[in-house]
Amino acid sequence: MARPLPPERAAGRALPEENNTPMMAIFGGVFGLLLVFLVVVNLYSNAAQRERLERGGEDGLYRIERMDGGSGYVVISFPRELRIVETGASLAPDTVCEPGGPFTDYARRVYETKGDQLVFFILEGSVTTMAAARECLRLMWPDQVLTIGWVMADNELLKSVALNDIPGYIRDYAAERP
């Protein structure tokens, strides 16, 4: 049968447990401060992200920022129409270059800022529509070199974009194609 420890030794055994209590309190305090710090950083990060999304939502749907400081303004070329994303205007290829029309006014506004350009998203079968718009730009500024951009947006590109991100008019066009 085991004998009980004398009270002096029993008290000595309890001392190390009592000495750990301040360490646990310090650890808990530091852990609490870290949690508060992480919450503050998370709130700041969320606010900054929300601000970027709001700023991008204003014109990020139709404007692509370039690394050199310029911007590209998106125009979508369909086989039977040209659509200006910013204004939502749709034009038949034969009406693209009408003086005072939506495309000519939009092009003047875009190209009046140095470094800005039009970026054509060319869907399958719509190269002729984009060519009509390009010729219109050449007629508007015959002696000036203009920069344009284009993206060949074939069915494979359209499939690679999440369907929720594709506007309805592009989704309908993609569904028509075999």
Protein backbone atom coordinates (compact mmCIF):
# COMPACT_ATOMS: atom_id res chain seq x y z
CA MET A 1 0.00 0.00 0.00
CA ALA A 2 1.34 3.42 -0.98
CA ARG A 3 2.00 5.89 1.71
CA PRO A 4 0.71 9.43 1.37
CA LEU A 5 3.32 12.13 0.75
CA PRO A 6 4.25 14.44 3.56
CA PRO A 7 2.51 17.84 3.34
CA GLU A 8 5.79 19.63 2.41
CA ARG A 9 6.33 17.44 -0.66
CA ALA A 10 2.66 17.57 -1.61
CA ALA A 11 2.81 21.38 -1.48
CA GLY A 12 5.99 21.32 -3.63
CA ARG A 13 4.23 19.21 -6.21
CA ALA A 14 1.40 21.77 -6.48
CA LEU A 15 3.81 24.68 -6.94
CA PRO A 16 4.77 23.92 -10.58
CA GLU A 17 1.09 23.78 -11.54
CA GLU A 18 0.49 27.15 -9.89
CA ASN A 19 3.56 28.61 -11.67
CA ASN A 20 2.10 27.67 -15.09
CA THR A 21 -1.02 29.73 -14.50
CA PRO A 22 0.65 33.10 -15.28
CA MET A 23 2.18 31.60 -18.45
CA MET A 24 -1.23 30.42 -19.59
CA ALA A 25 -2.69 33.86 -18.89
CA ILE A 26 0.07 35.52 -20.93
CA PHE A 27 -0.40 33.03 -23.78
CA GLY A 28 -4.16 33.61 -23.72
CA GLY A 29 -3.67 37.37 -23.77
CA VAL A 30 -1.25 37.23 -26.72
CA PHE A 31 -3.58 34.86 -28.54
CA GLY A 32 -6.50 37.24 -27.94
CA LEU A 33 -4.46 40.21 -29.23
CA LEU A 34 -3.52 38.24 -32.34
CA LEU A 35 -7.17 37.43 -32.97
CA VAL A 36 -8.12 41.10 -32.63
CA PHE A 37 -5.26 42.05 -34.98
CA LEU A 38 -6.40 39.48 -37.56
CA VAL A 39 -9.99 40.73 -37.38
CA VAL A 40 -8.82 44.33 -37.94
CA VAL A 41 -6.60 43.29 -40.88
CA ASN A 42 -9.46 41.24 -42.34
CA LEU A 43 -11.89 44.16 -42.05
CA TYR A 44 -9.39 46.52 -43.70
CA SER A 45 -8.71 44.01 -46.46
CA ASN A 46 -12.44 43.50 -47.11
CA ALA A 47 -13.01 47.26 -47.23
CA ALA A 48 -10.15 47.71 -49.71
CA GLN A 49 -11.43 44.83 -51.84
CA ARG A 50 -14.97 46.21 -51.79
CA GLU A 51 -13.63 49.64 -52.86
CA ARG A 52 -11.68 48.07 -55.76
CA LEU A 53 -14.77 46.14 -56.87
CA GLU A 54 -16.94 49.25 -56.73
CA ARG A 55 -14.35 51.25 -58.69
CA GLY A 56 -14.01 48.45 -61.21
CA GLY A 57 -17.76 48.03 -61.46
CA GLU A 58 -18.16 51.60 -62.68
CA ASP A 59 -16.22 51.11 -65.88
CA GLY A 60 -14.56 47.71 -65.65
CA LEU A 61 -17.25 46.10 -67.76
CA TYR A 62 -16.31 48.03 -70.87
CA ARG A 63 -12.79 49.31 -70.23
CA ILE A 64 -9.55 47.34 -70.08
CA GLU A 65 -6.61 49.07 -68.39
CA ARG A 66 -3.30 48.78 -70.19
CA MET A 67 0.09 48.59 -68.50
CA ASP A 68 1.28 51.79 -70.25
CA GLY A 69 -1.52 53.89 -68.75
CA GLY A 70 -3.92 53.79 -71.68
CA SER A 71 -7.25 52.07 -71.86
CA GLY A 72 -9.03 49.82 -74.30
CA TYR A 73 -12.77 50.28 -74.76
CA VAL A 74 -14.66 47.11 -75.62
CA VAL A 75 -16.78 46.74 -78.76
CA ILE A 76 -18.29 43.35 -79.59
CA SER A 77 -18.52 42.32 -83.21
CA PHE A 78 -21.40 39.98 -84.14
CA PRO A 79 -22.03 38.68 -87.68
CA ARG A 80 -24.96 41.08 -88.16
CA GLU A 81 -24.28 43.84 -85.63
CA LEU A 82 -21.66 45.81 -83.75
CA ARG A 83 -22.33 46.41 -80.06
CA ILE A 84 -20.71 49.14 -77.97
CA VAL A 85 -20.57 47.65 -74.48
CA GLU A 86 -20.38 50.94 -72.56
CA THR A 87 -23.44 52.50 -74.15
CA GLY A 88 -25.29 49.34 -75.13
CA ALA A 89 -25.79 50.69 -78.67
CA SER A 90 -26.15 48.07 -81.41
CA LEU A 91 -25.54 48.88 -85.07
CA ALA A 92 -25.90 47.00 -88.31
CA PRO A 93 -22.61 46.80 -90.26
CA ASP A 94 -23.89 49.08 -93.01
CA THR A 95 -24.85 51.84 -90.51
CA VAL A 96 -21.62 51.82 -88.49
CA CYS A 97 -20.08 54.85 -90.21
CA GLU A 98 -23.06 57.18 -90.27
CA PRO A 99 -21.94 60.73 -89.38
CA GLY A 100 -23.18 61.59 -85.90
CA GLY A 101 -24.06 57.95 -85.29
CA PRO A 102 -23.35 56.06 -82.06
CA PHE A 103 -20.13 54.43 -83.30
CA THR A 104 -18.56 57.57 -84.79
CA ASP A 105 -19.39 59.63 -81.68
CA TYR A 106 -18.03 56.88 -79.42
CA ALA A 107 -14.84 56.53 -81.47
CA ARG A 108 -14.22 60.29 -81.34
CA ARG A 109 -14.62 60.26 -77.57
CA VAL A 110 -12.26 57.28 -77.13
CA TYR A 111 -9.51 58.48 -79.46
CA GLU A 112 -9.48 62.05 -78.14
CA THR A 113 -7.56 60.75 -75.10
CA LYS A 114 -3.98 59.83 -75.92
CA GLY A 115 -3.25 56.14 -75.35
CA ASP A 116 -6.89 55.03 -75.50
CA GLN A 117 -8.14 52.68 -78.18
CA LEU A 118 -11.02 50.45 -79.21
CA VAL A 119 -10.74 46.72 -78.54
CA PHE A 120 -12.93 44.53 -80.73
CA PHE A 121 -14.13 41.18 -79.44
CA ILE A 122 -14.75 39.30 -82.66
CA LEU A 123 -17.19 36.42 -82.42
CA GLU A 124 -17.18 33.66 -85.02
CA GLY A 125 -18.36 34.84 -88.41
CA SER A 126 -18.12 38.55 -87.56
CA VAL A 127 -14.80 39.60 -89.10
CA THR A 128 -16.65 41.54 -91.84
CA THR A 129 -18.53 43.57 -89.20
CA MET A 130 -15.26 44.45 -87.47
CA ALA A 131 -13.70 45.30 -90.87
CA ALA A 132 -16.55 47.76 -91.53
CA ALA A 133 -15.85 49.47 -88.19
CA ARG A 134 -12.10 49.54 -88.88
CA GLU A 135 -12.69 51.10 -92.31
CA CYS A 136 -14.91 53.69 -90.66
CA LEU A 137 -12.05 54.60 -88.30
CA ARG A 138 -9.71 54.91 -91.29
CA LEU A 139 -12.18 57.25 -93.01
CA MET A 140 -12.60 59.35 -89.87
CA TRP A 141 -8.83 59.85 -89.42
CA PRO A 142 -7.26 59.31 -92.85
CA ASP A 143 -3.87 60.87 -92.01
CA GLN A 144 -3.53 59.56 -88.47
CA VAL A 145 -2.20 56.22 -87.27
CA LEU A 146 -4.75 54.66 -84.92
CA THR A 147 -4.25 51.71 -82.65
CA ILE A 148 -6.97 49.13 -82.30
CA GLY A 149 -7.01 45.84 -80.47
CA TRP A 150 -8.94 42.69 -81.09
CA VAL A 151 -9.69 39.39 -79.43
CA MET A 152 -10.90 36.41 -81.40
CA ALA A 153 -13.73 35.23 -79.17
CA ASP A 154 -14.54 31.87 -80.71
CA ASN A 155 -16.80 29.24 -79.17
CA GLU A 156 -13.88 27.75 -77.23
CA LEU A 157 -13.20 31.09 -75.54
CA LEU A 158 -16.88 31.52 -74.78
CA LYS A 159 -17.03 28.03 -73.26
CA SER A 160 -14.04 28.81 -71.04
CA VAL A 161 -15.82 31.75 -69.41
CA ALA A 162 -18.19 30.91 -66.57
CA LEU A 163 -21.72 31.11 -67.94
CA ASN A 164 -22.83 33.42 -65.18
CA ASP A 165 -20.29 35.98 -66.36
CA ILE A 166 -21.48 35.99 -69.96
CA PRO A 167 -24.13 38.59 -70.82
CA GLY A 168 -27.36 37.22 -72.22
CA TYR A 169 -26.80 38.51 -75.74
CA ILE A 170 -23.48 36.63 -76.00
CA ARG A 171 -24.95 33.53 -74.36
CA ASP A 172 -27.78 33.53 -76.95
CA TYR A 173 -25.28 33.90 -79.79
CA ALA A 174 -23.14 31.03 -78.51
CA ALA A 175 -26.21 28.80 -78.24
CA GLU A 176 -27.07 29.48 -81.92
CA ARG A 177 -23.70 28.24 -83.18
CA PRO A 178 -23.29 24.46 -83.84
